Amino acid sequence: MADAQLTQYLPVLLLAAVALGFTAFMLLASVALGKRGARSRIKDTAYECGMIPVGEGGARMSVKFHLVAMLFILFDIEVVFLYPWAVVYRDMLAGHANMIFGSMLTFIAILLVGYLYALKKNAFDWKS
């Protein structure tokens, strides 16, 4: 019985062997057939739409910019949670009117407190 269970792994092992063999073959073929030669310095420079690149590769961004981006994502997710609530609001109004309205008011109140805190800390002004 143990041998029968081990034979079920044979296709998986065969697939792994084929994958490793194919990977090794492709790596060796690229080394053997690849173009070897002296590359000029101009060929190795970055290409920027026909312009010669000047300066740093990546511009540094302020931490405030990333904070505003995260706050945008946070309030964008708020809309994602508001939409399903608005869709089922009319159906749930008959049986659970106070519960569904109260839970959404609580959710919006928590987000409003967070929004006011971000305004107080000038989190939306990334220029300063």
N, C-alpha and C. Protein backbone atom coordinates (compact mmCIF):
# COMPACT_ATOMS: atom_id res chain seq x y z
N MET A 1 0.82 -1.19 0.00
CA MET A 1 0.00 0.00 0.00
C MET A 1 0.86 1.26 0.00
N ALA A 2 1.96 1.27 0.75
CA ALA A 2 2.85 2.42 0.78
C ALA A 2 3.48 2.64 -0.59
N ASP A 3 3.78 1.57 -1.31
CA ASP A 3 4.34 1.71 -2.65
C ASP A 3 3.33 2.33 -3.60
N ALA A 4 2.07 2.01 -3.45
CA ALA A 4 1.04 2.57 -4.32
C ALA A 4 0.90 4.08 -4.09
N GLN A 5 1.07 4.51 -2.84
CA GLN A 5 0.98 5.95 -2.57
C GLN A 5 2.20 6.68 -3.12
N LEU A 6 3.36 6.05 -3.06
CA LEU A 6 4.56 6.70 -3.57
C LEU A 6 4.53 6.81 -5.09
N THR A 7 3.90 5.88 -5.76
CA THR A 7 3.83 5.95 -7.22
C THR A 7 2.94 7.11 -7.69
N GLN A 8 2.09 7.62 -6.83
CA GLN A 8 1.28 8.77 -7.20
C GLN A 8 2.12 10.04 -7.33
N TYR A 9 3.28 10.06 -6.68
CA TYR A 9 4.17 11.21 -6.76
C TYR A 9 5.09 11.15 -7.98
N LEU A 10 5.08 10.05 -8.71
CA LEU A 10 5.95 9.89 -9.87
C LEU A 10 5.71 10.97 -10.93
N PRO A 11 4.48 11.33 -11.30
CA PRO A 11 4.30 12.40 -12.28
C PRO A 11 4.83 13.75 -11.80
N VAL A 12 4.72 14.02 -10.52
CA VAL A 12 5.22 15.29 -9.99
C VAL A 12 6.74 15.31 -10.06
N LEU A 13 7.38 14.22 -9.69
CA LEU A 13 8.84 14.14 -9.78
C LEU A 13 9.31 14.22 -11.22
N LEU A 14 8.59 13.58 -12.12
CA LEU A 14 8.94 13.64 -13.53
C LEU A 14 8.81 15.07 -14.06
N LEU A 15 7.77 15.78 -13.68
CA LEU A 15 7.59 17.17 -14.09
C LEU A 15 8.71 18.04 -13.53
N ALA A 16 9.09 17.83 -12.28
CA ALA A 16 10.19 18.60 -11.68
C ALA A 16 11.50 18.33 -12.41
N ALA A 17 11.75 17.07 -12.76
CA ALA A 17 12.99 16.73 -13.48
C ALA A 17 13.00 17.38 -14.86
N VAL A 18 11.87 17.36 -15.55
CA VAL A 18 11.80 17.99 -16.88
C VAL A 18 12.00 19.50 -16.75
N ALA A 19 11.41 20.13 -15.75
CA ALA A 19 11.55 21.57 -15.56
C ALA A 19 13.00 21.94 -15.26
N LEU A 20 13.64 21.19 -14.37
CA LEU A 20 15.05 21.46 -14.05
C LEU A 20 15.95 21.21 -15.26
N GLY A 21 15.68 20.15 -15.98
CA GLY A 21 16.48 19.85 -17.18
C GLY A 21 16.33 20.92 -18.24
N PHE A 22 15.10 21.38 -18.47
CA PHE A 22 14.86 22.43 -19.46
C PHE A 22 15.54 23.73 -19.04
N THR A 23 15.48 24.06 -17.75
CA THR A 23 16.12 25.27 -17.25
C THR A 23 17.62 25.21 -17.44
N ALA A 24 18.22 24.08 -17.07
CA ALA A 24 19.67 23.93 -17.23
C ALA A 24 20.07 23.99 -18.71
N PHE A 25 19.30 23.35 -19.57
CA PHE A 25 19.60 23.38 -21.01
C PHE A 25 19.53 24.80 -21.55
N MET A 26 18.51 25.56 -21.18
CA MET A 26 18.38 26.93 -21.69
C MET A 26 19.50 27.83 -21.18
N LEU A 27 19.90 27.66 -19.92
CA LEU A 27 21.01 28.46 -19.40
C LEU A 27 22.31 28.13 -20.11
N LEU A 28 22.59 26.86 -20.30
CA LEU A 28 23.82 26.45 -20.99
C LEU A 28 23.78 26.88 -22.45
N ALA A 29 22.63 26.78 -23.10
CA ALA A 29 22.53 27.19 -24.50
C ALA A 29 22.72 28.69 -24.65
N SER A 30 22.22 29.48 -23.72
CA SER A 30 22.40 30.93 -23.81
C SER A 30 23.85 31.32 -23.62
N VAL A 31 24.56 30.61 -22.76
CA VAL A 31 25.99 30.89 -22.57
C VAL A 31 26.77 30.46 -23.80
N ALA A 32 26.45 29.29 -24.37
CA ALA A 32 27.21 28.77 -25.51
C ALA A 32 26.90 29.55 -26.79
N LEU A 33 25.68 29.94 -27.00
CA LEU A 33 25.31 30.59 -28.24
C LEU A 33 25.23 32.11 -28.14
N GLY A 34 25.33 32.63 -26.94
CA GLY A 34 25.20 34.07 -26.75
C GLY A 34 26.34 34.83 -27.39
N LYS A 35 26.04 36.06 -27.80
CA LYS A 35 27.03 36.90 -28.47
C LYS A 35 28.04 37.39 -27.45
N ARG A 36 29.26 37.03 -27.69
CA ARG A 36 30.35 37.51 -26.83
C ARG A 36 31.15 38.52 -27.62
N GLY A 37 31.40 39.60 -27.03
CA GLY A 37 32.17 40.63 -27.71
C GLY A 37 32.26 41.86 -26.86
N ALA A 38 33.13 42.72 -27.24
CA ALA A 38 33.31 43.96 -26.49
C ALA A 38 32.15 44.88 -26.79
N ARG A 39 31.47 45.27 -25.77
CA ARG A 39 30.36 46.21 -25.93
C ARG A 39 30.90 47.60 -25.66
N SER A 40 30.44 48.53 -26.44
CA SER A 40 30.90 49.90 -26.25
C SER A 40 30.19 50.52 -25.05
N ARG A 41 30.80 51.57 -24.54
CA ARG A 41 30.22 52.24 -23.38
C ARG A 41 28.88 52.89 -23.74
N ILE A 42 28.76 53.38 -24.93
CA ILE A 42 27.52 54.03 -25.35
C ILE A 42 26.37 53.03 -25.45
N LYS A 43 26.68 51.77 -25.76
CA LYS A 43 25.64 50.74 -25.84
C LYS A 43 25.10 50.39 -24.46
N ASP A 44 25.92 50.56 -23.45
CA ASP A 44 25.51 50.18 -22.10
C ASP A 44 24.84 51.31 -21.32
N THR A 45 24.70 52.50 -21.92
CA THR A 45 24.03 53.59 -21.20
C THR A 45 22.52 53.40 -21.29
N ALA A 46 21.84 54.01 -20.34
CA ALA A 46 20.38 53.93 -20.31
C ALA A 46 19.81 54.74 -21.47
N TYR A 47 18.70 54.26 -22.00
CA TYR A 47 18.04 54.95 -23.11
C TYR A 47 16.80 55.65 -22.58
N GLU A 48 16.77 56.95 -22.72
CA GLU A 48 15.65 57.74 -22.22
C GLU A 48 15.00 58.50 -23.37
N CYS A 49 14.25 57.82 -24.19
CA CYS A 49 13.48 58.45 -25.27
C CYS A 49 14.35 59.31 -26.18
N GLY A 50 15.55 58.87 -26.46
CA GLY A 50 16.42 59.60 -27.37
C GLY A 50 17.23 60.68 -26.71
N MET A 51 16.99 60.93 -25.45
CA MET A 51 17.74 61.97 -24.73
C MET A 51 18.85 61.32 -23.91
N ILE A 52 19.95 62.00 -23.79
CA ILE A 52 21.04 61.50 -22.95
C ILE A 52 20.62 61.68 -21.50
N PRO A 53 20.65 60.60 -20.72
CA PRO A 53 20.21 60.72 -19.32
C PRO A 53 21.19 61.56 -18.51
N VAL A 54 20.63 62.50 -17.76
CA VAL A 54 21.43 63.38 -16.94
C VAL A 54 20.90 63.31 -15.51
N GLY A 55 21.78 63.15 -14.56
CA GLY A 55 21.37 63.15 -13.16
C GLY A 55 21.05 61.77 -12.63
N GLU A 56 20.39 61.76 -11.48
CA GLU A 56 20.03 60.52 -10.81
C GLU A 56 18.97 59.76 -11.59
N GLY A 57 18.96 58.45 -11.42
CA GLY A 57 17.97 57.64 -12.10
C GLY A 57 16.58 57.83 -11.54
N GLY A 58 16.45 57.85 -10.24
CA GLY A 58 15.14 58.00 -9.61
C GLY A 58 15.08 59.26 -8.78
N ALA A 59 14.07 60.05 -9.00
CA ALA A 59 13.92 61.28 -8.23
C ALA A 59 13.45 60.94 -6.81
N ARG A 60 13.97 61.66 -5.86
CA ARG A 60 13.58 61.43 -4.47
C ARG A 60 12.25 62.10 -4.20
N MET A 61 11.39 61.38 -3.55
CA MET A 61 10.07 61.91 -3.23
C MET A 61 10.00 62.15 -1.72
N SER A 62 9.26 63.16 -1.36
CA SER A 62 9.09 63.50 0.05
C SER A 62 8.25 62.43 0.75
N VAL A 63 8.49 62.29 2.03
CA VAL A 63 7.70 61.35 2.82
C VAL A 63 6.24 61.80 2.87
N LYS A 64 6.02 63.10 2.84
CA LYS A 64 4.65 63.61 2.86
C LYS A 64 3.87 63.14 1.63
N PHE A 65 4.54 63.05 0.49
CA PHE A 65 3.87 62.57 -0.72
C PHE A 65 3.35 61.16 -0.52
N HIS A 66 4.17 60.29 0.07
CA HIS A 66 3.75 58.91 0.31
C HIS A 66 2.64 58.85 1.37
N LEU A 67 2.69 59.75 2.33
CA LEU A 67 1.63 59.81 3.34
C LEU A 67 0.30 60.18 2.70
N VAL A 68 0.32 61.15 1.80
CA VAL A 68 -0.91 61.54 1.10
C VAL A 68 -1.41 60.38 0.25
N ALA A 69 -0.49 59.66 -0.38
CA ALA A 69 -0.89 58.51 -1.20
C ALA A 69 -1.57 57.44 -0.35
N MET A 70 -1.01 57.17 0.84
CA MET A 70 -1.62 56.17 1.72
C MET A 70 -2.98 56.64 2.23
N LEU A 71 -3.10 57.92 2.52
CA LEU A 71 -4.40 58.45 2.96
C LEU A 71 -5.42 58.37 1.83
N PHE A 72 -4.98 58.61 0.61
CA PHE A 72 -5.90 58.46 -0.53
C PHE A 72 -6.40 57.03 -0.64
N ILE A 73 -5.50 56.07 -0.48
CA ILE A 73 -5.90 54.67 -0.54
C ILE A 73 -6.88 54.36 0.59
N LEU A 74 -6.62 54.88 1.78
CA LEU A 74 -7.51 54.65 2.92
C LEU A 74 -8.92 55.15 2.64
N PHE A 75 -9.02 56.37 2.14
CA PHE A 75 -10.35 56.93 1.90
C PHE A 75 -10.98 56.33 0.64
N ASP A 76 -10.17 55.82 -0.26
CA ASP A 76 -10.70 55.11 -1.42
C ASP A 76 -11.32 53.78 -0.99
N ILE A 77 -10.70 53.13 -0.03
CA ILE A 77 -11.26 51.88 0.50
C ILE A 77 -12.56 52.15 1.25
N GLU A 78 -12.68 53.34 1.82
CA GLU A 78 -13.94 53.71 2.47
C GLU A 78 -15.09 53.64 1.47
N VAL A 79 -14.87 54.12 0.27
CA VAL A 79 -15.91 54.07 -0.75
C VAL A 79 -16.23 52.63 -1.12
N VAL A 80 -15.23 51.78 -1.11
CA VAL A 80 -15.46 50.36 -1.42
C VAL A 80 -16.38 49.74 -0.38
N PHE A 81 -16.26 50.16 0.88
CA PHE A 81 -17.15 49.65 1.92
C PHE A 81 -18.52 50.33 1.91
N LEU A 82 -18.59 51.55 1.45
CA LEU A 82 -19.87 52.25 1.40
C LEU A 82 -20.79 51.72 0.30
N TYR A 83 -20.23 51.29 -0.81
CA TYR A 83 -21.05 50.86 -1.94
C TYR A 83 -21.92 49.64 -1.62
N PRO A 84 -21.38 48.55 -1.06
CA PRO A 84 -22.26 47.42 -0.74
C PRO A 84 -23.31 47.78 0.31
N TRP A 85 -22.95 48.64 1.24
CA TRP A 85 -23.92 49.09 2.24
C TRP A 85 -25.08 49.81 1.57
N ALA A 86 -24.77 50.67 0.61
CA ALA A 86 -25.82 51.41 -0.07
C ALA A 86 -26.70 50.50 -0.91
N VAL A 87 -26.13 49.43 -1.43
CA VAL A 87 -26.90 48.51 -2.27
C VAL A 87 -27.92 47.73 -1.44
N VAL A 88 -27.54 47.27 -0.25
CA VAL A 88 -28.44 46.46 0.57
C VAL A 88 -29.24 47.28 1.57
N TYR A 89 -29.03 48.60 1.58
CA TYR A 89 -29.69 49.42 2.59
C TYR A 89 -31.21 49.33 2.49
N ARG A 90 -31.75 49.42 1.30
CA ARG A 90 -33.20 49.41 1.14
C ARG A 90 -33.79 48.06 1.56
N ASP A 91 -33.09 46.95 1.25
CA ASP A 91 -33.58 45.63 1.64
C ASP A 91 -33.56 45.43 3.15
N MET A 92 -32.52 45.93 3.80
CA MET A 92 -32.40 45.75 5.25
C MET A 92 -33.18 46.79 6.04
N LEU A 93 -33.69 47.79 5.37
CA LEU A 93 -34.40 48.86 6.06
C LEU A 93 -35.66 48.36 6.76
N ALA A 94 -36.29 47.37 6.18
CA ALA A 94 -37.54 46.85 6.76
C ALA A 94 -37.31 46.19 8.12
N GLY A 95 -36.25 45.42 8.26
CA GLY A 95 -36.06 44.66 9.49
C GLY A 95 -35.04 45.24 10.45
N HIS A 96 -34.00 45.86 9.94
CA HIS A 96 -32.88 46.29 10.80
C HIS A 96 -32.49 47.74 10.50
N ALA A 97 -33.44 48.62 10.46
CA ALA A 97 -33.17 50.00 10.05
C ALA A 97 -32.19 50.70 10.97
N ASN A 98 -32.38 50.59 12.26
CA ASN A 98 -31.51 51.28 13.21
C ASN A 98 -30.11 50.69 13.23
N MET A 99 -30.02 49.37 13.12
CA MET A 99 -28.72 48.72 13.18
C MET A 99 -27.85 49.08 11.98
N ILE A 100 -28.40 49.00 10.77
CA ILE A 100 -27.60 49.26 9.58
C ILE A 100 -27.23 50.73 9.47
N PHE A 101 -28.14 51.62 9.83
CA PHE A 101 -27.83 53.04 9.77
C PHE A 101 -26.83 53.43 10.85
N GLY A 102 -27.00 52.88 12.04
CA GLY A 102 -26.07 53.18 13.14
C GLY A 102 -24.67 52.67 12.87
N SER A 103 -24.57 51.48 12.29
CA SER A 103 -23.23 50.94 12.01
C SER A 103 -22.52 51.78 10.96
N MET A 104 -23.25 52.26 9.97
CA MET A 104 -22.61 53.09 8.96
C MET A 104 -22.25 54.46 9.51
N LEU A 105 -23.08 55.02 10.37
CA LEU A 105 -22.72 56.29 11.02
C LEU A 105 -21.48 56.14 11.88
N THR A 106 -21.36 55.02 12.58
CA THR A 106 -20.16 54.77 13.38
C THR A 106 -18.94 54.66 12.49
N PHE A 107 -19.06 53.94 11.38
CA PHE A 107 -17.95 53.79 10.44
C PHE A 107 -17.52 55.14 9.88
N ILE A 108 -18.47 55.96 9.48
CA ILE A 108 -18.14 57.28 8.92
C ILE A 108 -17.58 58.20 9.99
N ALA A 109 -18.08 58.08 11.23
CA ALA A 109 -17.55 58.91 12.33
C ALA A 109 -16.09 58.59 12.61
N ILE A 110 -15.74 57.31 12.60
CA ILE A 110 -14.34 56.93 12.82
C ILE A 110 -13.46 57.47 11.71
N LEU A 111 -13.93 57.37 10.46
CA LEU A 111 -13.16 57.90 9.35
C LEU A 111 -13.07 59.42 9.40
N LEU A 112 -14.13 60.08 9.86
CA LEU A 112 -14.11 61.53 9.99
C LEU A 112 -13.09 61.97 11.04
N VAL A 113 -13.01 61.24 12.13
CA VAL A 113 -12.01 61.56 13.16
C VAL A 113 -10.60 61.41 12.57
N GLY A 114 -10.38 60.35 11.81
CA GLY A 114 -9.08 60.17 11.16
C GLY A 114 -8.78 61.27 10.16
N TYR A 115 -9.78 61.68 9.41
CA TYR A 115 -9.62 62.76 8.43
C TYR A 115 -9.29 64.09 9.13
N LEU A 116 -10.00 64.39 10.20
CA LEU A 116 -9.72 65.63 10.94
C LEU A 116 -8.33 65.60 11.57
N TYR A 117 -7.91 64.44 12.04
CA TYR A 117 -6.56 64.30 12.60
C TYR A 117 -5.51 64.55 11.51
N ALA A 118 -5.74 64.00 10.31
CA ALA A 118 -4.80 64.22 9.21
C ALA A 118 -4.78 65.69 8.80
N LEU A 119 -5.93 66.35 8.82
CA LEU A 119 -5.96 67.78 8.52
C LEU A 119 -5.20 68.59 9.56
N LYS A 120 -5.37 68.22 10.83
CA LYS A 120 -4.70 68.94 11.91
C LYS A 120 -3.19 68.81 11.81
N LYS A 121 -2.71 67.65 11.38
CA LYS A 121 -1.27 67.40 11.26
C LYS A 121 -0.70 67.86 9.92
N ASN A 122 -1.51 68.52 9.08
CA ASN A 122 -1.12 68.97 7.74
C ASN A 122 -0.57 67.81 6.89
N ALA A 123 -1.21 66.68 6.99
CA ALA A 123 -0.75 65.52 6.25
C ALA A 123 -1.06 65.61 4.77
N PHE A 124 -2.01 66.45 4.39
CA PHE A 124 -2.38 66.56 2.97
C PHE A 124 -1.54 67.57 2.22
N ASP A 125 -0.66 68.29 2.91
CA ASP A 125 0.19 69.28 2.25
C ASP A 125 1.61 68.72 2.16
N TRP A 126 1.94 68.12 1.02
CA TRP A 126 3.26 67.49 0.90
C TRP A 126 4.31 68.45 0.37
N LYS A 127 3.93 69.68 0.08
CA LYS A 127 4.91 70.67 -0.43
C LYS A 127 5.79 71.22 0.69
N SER A 128 5.28 71.29 1.90
CA SER A 128 6.07 71.92 2.98
C SER A 128 7.05 70.95 3.58
